[in-house]
Amino acid sequence: MLTWMYWTPEVAIFFGCVVLMLAGMTVWELRSPTIERKGFLPIATTRGDRLFIGLLTAAYINLAWIGIGAEGANAWPGFAASMLVLLAIMWKG
């Protein structure tokens, strides 16, 4: 059933982190509504906007690492790079 995708522990952890971030951001937004701010992104963004942009960027980095890497290559560096970029966008974006 899940053979259409290259499921590795790293990919499963990545998507698990995405689910946890979405749940955490939902609780955070309910407790403390966000305000727009301008960071290094060319538009004013809210936390949710930055999360969406960061998740898309992180997913593309993670998938590119898996797609470009040799079969059986270690996916942890791609996971780490995607999480660092996501954190940078969330923090300073």
N, C-alpha and C. Protein backbone atom coordinates (compact mmCIF):
# COMPACT_ATOMS: atom_id res chain seq x y z
N MET A 1 0.82 -1.20 0.00
CA MET A 1 0.00 0.00 0.00
C MET A 1 0.86 1.26 0.00
N LEU A 2 1.91 1.30 0.78
CA LEU A 2 2.75 2.50 0.85
C LEU A 2 4.02 2.36 0.03
N THR A 3 4.04 1.47 -0.94
CA THR A 3 5.25 1.24 -1.72
C THR A 3 5.47 2.32 -2.78
N TRP A 4 4.52 3.20 -3.00
CA TRP A 4 4.68 4.24 -4.01
C TRP A 4 5.65 5.32 -3.56
N MET A 5 5.94 5.38 -2.26
CA MET A 5 6.84 6.41 -1.75
C MET A 5 8.02 5.75 -1.05
N TYR A 6 9.15 6.42 -1.09
CA TYR A 6 10.37 5.93 -0.49
C TYR A 6 10.33 6.20 1.01
N TRP A 7 9.65 5.33 1.76
CA TRP A 7 9.48 5.53 3.20
C TRP A 7 10.71 5.02 3.93
N THR A 8 11.39 5.93 4.59
CA THR A 8 12.51 5.59 5.45
C THR A 8 12.18 6.12 6.84
N PRO A 9 12.92 5.71 7.85
CA PRO A 9 12.66 6.29 9.18
C PRO A 9 12.80 7.81 9.17
N GLU A 10 13.76 8.34 8.42
CA GLU A 10 13.95 9.79 8.37
C GLU A 10 12.75 10.50 7.78
N VAL A 11 12.18 9.94 6.71
CA VAL A 11 11.02 10.55 6.06
C VAL A 11 9.81 10.48 7.00
N ALA A 12 9.64 9.35 7.68
CA ALA A 12 8.54 9.21 8.62
C ALA A 12 8.69 10.20 9.78
N ILE A 13 9.91 10.38 10.28
CA ILE A 13 10.15 11.35 11.36
C ILE A 13 9.86 12.76 10.86
N PHE A 14 10.27 13.07 9.62
CA PHE A 14 10.02 14.39 9.05
C PHE A 14 8.52 14.69 9.04
N PHE A 15 7.72 13.77 8.53
CA PHE A 15 6.29 14.01 8.46
C PHE A 15 5.65 13.99 9.84
N GLY A 16 6.20 13.21 10.77
CA GLY A 16 5.74 13.25 12.15
C GLY A 16 5.99 14.61 12.77
N CYS A 17 7.15 15.20 12.48
CA CYS A 17 7.47 16.55 12.96
C CYS A 17 6.51 17.57 12.38
N VAL A 18 6.14 17.41 11.13
CA VAL A 18 5.18 18.32 10.50
C VAL A 18 3.85 18.28 11.24
N VAL A 19 3.37 17.08 11.55
CA VAL A 19 2.10 16.94 12.27
C VAL A 19 2.20 17.60 13.64
N LEU A 20 3.29 17.36 14.35
CA LEU A 20 3.47 17.97 15.67
C LEU A 20 3.53 19.49 15.59
N MET A 21 4.20 20.02 14.56
CA MET A 21 4.27 21.48 14.40
C MET A 21 2.89 22.07 14.13
N LEU A 22 2.11 21.41 13.29
CA LEU A 22 0.76 21.91 13.00
C LEU A 22 -0.10 21.92 14.26
N ALA A 23 -0.02 20.86 15.04
CA ALA A 23 -0.79 20.80 16.28
C ALA A 23 -0.31 21.87 17.26
N GLY A 24 1.00 22.02 17.40
CA GLY A 24 1.55 23.03 18.30
C GLY A 24 1.19 24.44 17.88
N MET A 25 1.26 24.71 16.59
CA MET A 25 0.92 26.05 16.10
C MET A 25 -0.56 26.35 16.30
N THR A 26 -1.41 25.34 16.19
CA THR A 26 -2.84 25.54 16.41
C THR A 26 -3.09 25.95 17.86
N VAL A 27 -2.49 25.23 18.79
CA VAL A 27 -2.64 25.57 20.21
C VAL A 27 -2.07 26.95 20.49
N TRP A 28 -0.88 27.25 19.95
CA TRP A 28 -0.23 28.55 20.17
C TRP A 28 -1.11 29.68 19.65
N GLU A 29 -1.68 29.49 18.46
CA GLU A 29 -2.52 30.53 17.86
C GLU A 29 -3.79 30.74 18.68
N LEU A 30 -4.35 29.68 19.21
CA LEU A 30 -5.56 29.83 20.03
C LEU A 30 -5.26 30.55 21.33
N ARG A 31 -4.09 30.32 21.90
CA ARG A 31 -3.73 30.95 23.17
C ARG A 31 -3.21 32.37 22.99
N SER A 32 -2.51 32.63 21.90
CA SER A 32 -1.89 33.93 21.67
C SER A 32 -1.99 34.30 20.18
N PRO A 33 -3.05 34.99 19.79
CA PRO A 33 -3.18 35.36 18.37
C PRO A 33 -1.96 36.13 17.87
N THR A 34 -1.61 35.88 16.64
CA THR A 34 -0.40 36.44 16.05
C THR A 34 -0.64 37.81 15.44
N ILE A 35 0.45 38.53 15.24
CA ILE A 35 0.42 39.80 14.51
C ILE A 35 1.39 39.68 13.34
N GLU A 36 1.11 40.44 12.29
CA GLU A 36 2.01 40.41 11.13
C GLU A 36 3.30 41.13 11.46
N ARG A 37 4.40 40.61 10.90
CA ARG A 37 5.68 41.29 11.03
C ARG A 37 6.50 41.06 9.77
N LYS A 38 7.49 41.90 9.58
CA LYS A 38 8.35 41.83 8.39
C LYS A 38 9.72 41.35 8.82
N GLY A 39 10.18 40.27 8.21
CA GLY A 39 11.51 39.73 8.44
C GLY A 39 12.28 39.75 7.13
N PHE A 40 13.08 38.72 6.88
CA PHE A 40 13.83 38.68 5.63
C PHE A 40 12.98 38.26 4.44
N LEU A 41 11.78 37.71 4.70
CA LEU A 41 10.87 37.40 3.59
C LEU A 41 10.35 38.71 3.01
N PRO A 42 10.06 38.74 1.70
CA PRO A 42 9.69 40.02 1.07
C PRO A 42 8.27 40.50 1.39
N ILE A 43 7.56 39.81 2.27
CA ILE A 43 6.20 40.21 2.62
C ILE A 43 6.05 40.17 4.14
N ALA A 44 5.07 40.90 4.64
CA ALA A 44 4.74 40.81 6.06
C ALA A 44 4.00 39.49 6.27
N THR A 45 4.40 38.74 7.31
CA THR A 45 3.83 37.42 7.52
C THR A 45 3.41 37.22 8.97
N THR A 46 2.48 36.31 9.15
CA THR A 46 2.09 35.86 10.48
C THR A 46 2.84 34.55 10.77
N ARG A 47 2.71 34.04 12.00
CA ARG A 47 3.34 32.75 12.32
C ARG A 47 2.86 31.66 11.38
N GLY A 48 1.59 31.64 11.11
CA GLY A 48 1.03 30.62 10.22
C GLY A 48 1.58 30.73 8.80
N ASP A 49 1.73 31.95 8.31
CA ASP A 49 2.32 32.15 6.98
C ASP A 49 3.74 31.62 6.93
N ARG A 50 4.52 31.97 7.97
CA ARG A 50 5.91 31.53 8.02
C ARG A 50 6.00 30.01 8.15
N LEU A 51 5.09 29.41 8.90
CA LEU A 51 5.07 27.95 9.01
C LEU A 51 4.78 27.32 7.66
N PHE A 52 3.79 27.84 6.95
CA PHE A 52 3.45 27.30 5.63
C PHE A 52 4.61 27.43 4.66
N ILE A 53 5.21 28.60 4.59
CA ILE A 53 6.35 28.82 3.69
C ILE A 53 7.52 27.93 4.11
N GLY A 54 7.76 27.84 5.41
CA GLY A 54 8.84 27.01 5.91
C GLY A 54 8.63 25.54 5.65
N LEU A 55 7.39 25.06 5.82
CA LEU A 55 7.10 23.65 5.56
C LEU A 55 7.27 23.31 4.09
N LEU A 56 6.81 24.19 3.22
CA LEU A 56 7.00 23.94 1.78
C LEU A 56 8.49 23.88 1.44
N THR A 57 9.25 24.84 1.95
CA THR A 57 10.68 24.87 1.68
C THR A 57 11.37 23.63 2.24
N ALA A 58 11.03 23.27 3.47
CA ALA A 58 11.64 22.10 4.11
C ALA A 58 11.28 20.82 3.36
N ALA A 59 10.05 20.71 2.92
CA ALA A 59 9.65 19.51 2.17
C ALA A 59 10.42 19.41 0.85
N TYR A 60 10.57 20.52 0.15
CA TYR A 60 11.32 20.49 -1.11
C TYR A 60 12.78 20.14 -0.88
N ILE A 61 13.38 20.66 0.18
CA ILE A 61 14.77 20.32 0.49
C ILE A 61 14.89 18.84 0.81
N ASN A 62 13.99 18.34 1.65
CA ASN A 62 14.01 16.93 2.04
C ASN A 62 13.81 16.03 0.83
N LEU A 63 12.84 16.34 0.00
CA LEU A 63 12.58 15.51 -1.18
C LEU A 63 13.71 15.61 -2.21
N ALA A 64 14.29 16.79 -2.36
CA ALA A 64 15.42 16.94 -3.28
C ALA A 64 16.61 16.11 -2.80
N TRP A 65 16.86 16.12 -1.51
CA TRP A 65 17.97 15.33 -0.96
C TRP A 65 17.76 13.85 -1.26
N ILE A 66 16.54 13.38 -1.05
CA ILE A 66 16.25 11.97 -1.31
C ILE A 66 16.32 11.68 -2.81
N GLY A 67 15.79 12.59 -3.63
CA GLY A 67 15.78 12.37 -5.07
C GLY A 67 17.15 12.44 -5.71
N ILE A 68 18.00 13.32 -5.22
CA ILE A 68 19.33 13.50 -5.81
C ILE A 68 20.32 12.49 -5.26
N GLY A 69 20.14 12.10 -4.00
CA GLY A 69 21.06 11.17 -3.36
C GLY A 69 21.01 9.80 -4.00
N ALA A 70 22.10 9.07 -3.83
CA ALA A 70 22.17 7.71 -4.35
C ALA A 70 21.23 6.81 -3.56
N GLU A 71 20.79 5.73 -4.20
CA GLU A 71 19.90 4.80 -3.52
C GLU A 71 20.60 4.22 -2.30
N GLY A 72 19.91 4.24 -1.19
CA GLY A 72 20.49 3.74 0.05
C GLY A 72 21.34 4.77 0.77
N ALA A 73 21.41 5.99 0.25
CA ALA A 73 22.22 7.03 0.89
C ALA A 73 21.53 7.48 2.18
N ASN A 74 22.29 8.06 3.05
CA ASN A 74 21.79 8.54 4.33
C ASN A 74 20.91 9.77 4.11
N ALA A 75 19.69 9.74 4.65
CA ALA A 75 18.76 10.85 4.48
C ALA A 75 18.81 11.84 5.64
N TRP A 76 19.57 11.54 6.70
CA TRP A 76 19.63 12.44 7.85
C TRP A 76 20.16 13.83 7.52
N PRO A 77 21.19 13.97 6.67
CA PRO A 77 21.63 15.33 6.34
C PRO A 77 20.54 16.18 5.67
N GLY A 78 19.75 15.58 4.81
CA GLY A 78 18.65 16.31 4.18
C GLY A 78 17.59 16.70 5.19
N PHE A 79 17.29 15.79 6.12
CA PHE A 79 16.34 16.09 7.18
C PHE A 79 16.85 17.24 8.04
N ALA A 80 18.12 17.18 8.42
CA ALA A 80 18.70 18.23 9.27
C ALA A 80 18.69 19.58 8.55
N ALA A 81 19.07 19.58 7.27
CA ALA A 81 19.08 20.83 6.50
C ALA A 81 17.67 21.41 6.38
N SER A 82 16.69 20.55 6.13
CA SER A 82 15.32 21.04 5.98
C SER A 82 14.79 21.61 7.29
N MET A 83 15.13 21.00 8.41
CA MET A 83 14.68 21.51 9.70
C MET A 83 15.38 22.83 10.06
N LEU A 84 16.66 22.97 9.71
CA LEU A 84 17.37 24.23 9.96
C LEU A 84 16.76 25.37 9.15
N VAL A 85 16.44 25.11 7.89
CA VAL A 85 15.82 26.13 7.05
C VAL A 85 14.44 26.50 7.59
N LEU A 86 13.68 25.50 8.01
CA LEU A 86 12.36 25.77 8.58
C LEU A 86 12.48 26.63 9.84
N LEU A 87 13.40 26.31 10.71
CA LEU A 87 13.61 27.11 11.92
C LEU A 87 14.03 28.54 11.60
N ALA A 88 14.90 28.70 10.60
CA ALA A 88 15.32 30.04 10.20
C ALA A 88 14.16 30.87 9.68
N ILE A 89 13.30 30.26 8.89
CA ILE A 89 12.14 30.98 8.34
C ILE A 89 11.17 31.32 9.46
N MET A 90 10.95 30.40 10.38
CA MET A 90 10.03 30.68 11.49
C MET A 90 10.56 31.76 12.40
N TRP A 91 11.87 31.78 12.64
CA TRP A 91 12.46 32.69 13.60
C TRP A 91 12.68 34.08 13.03
N LYS A 92 13.29 34.17 11.84
CA LYS A 92 13.67 35.47 11.27
C LYS A 92 12.91 35.84 10.01
N GLY A 93 12.06 34.95 9.52
CA GLY A 93 11.35 35.19 8.27
C GLY A 93 10.39 36.30 8.39
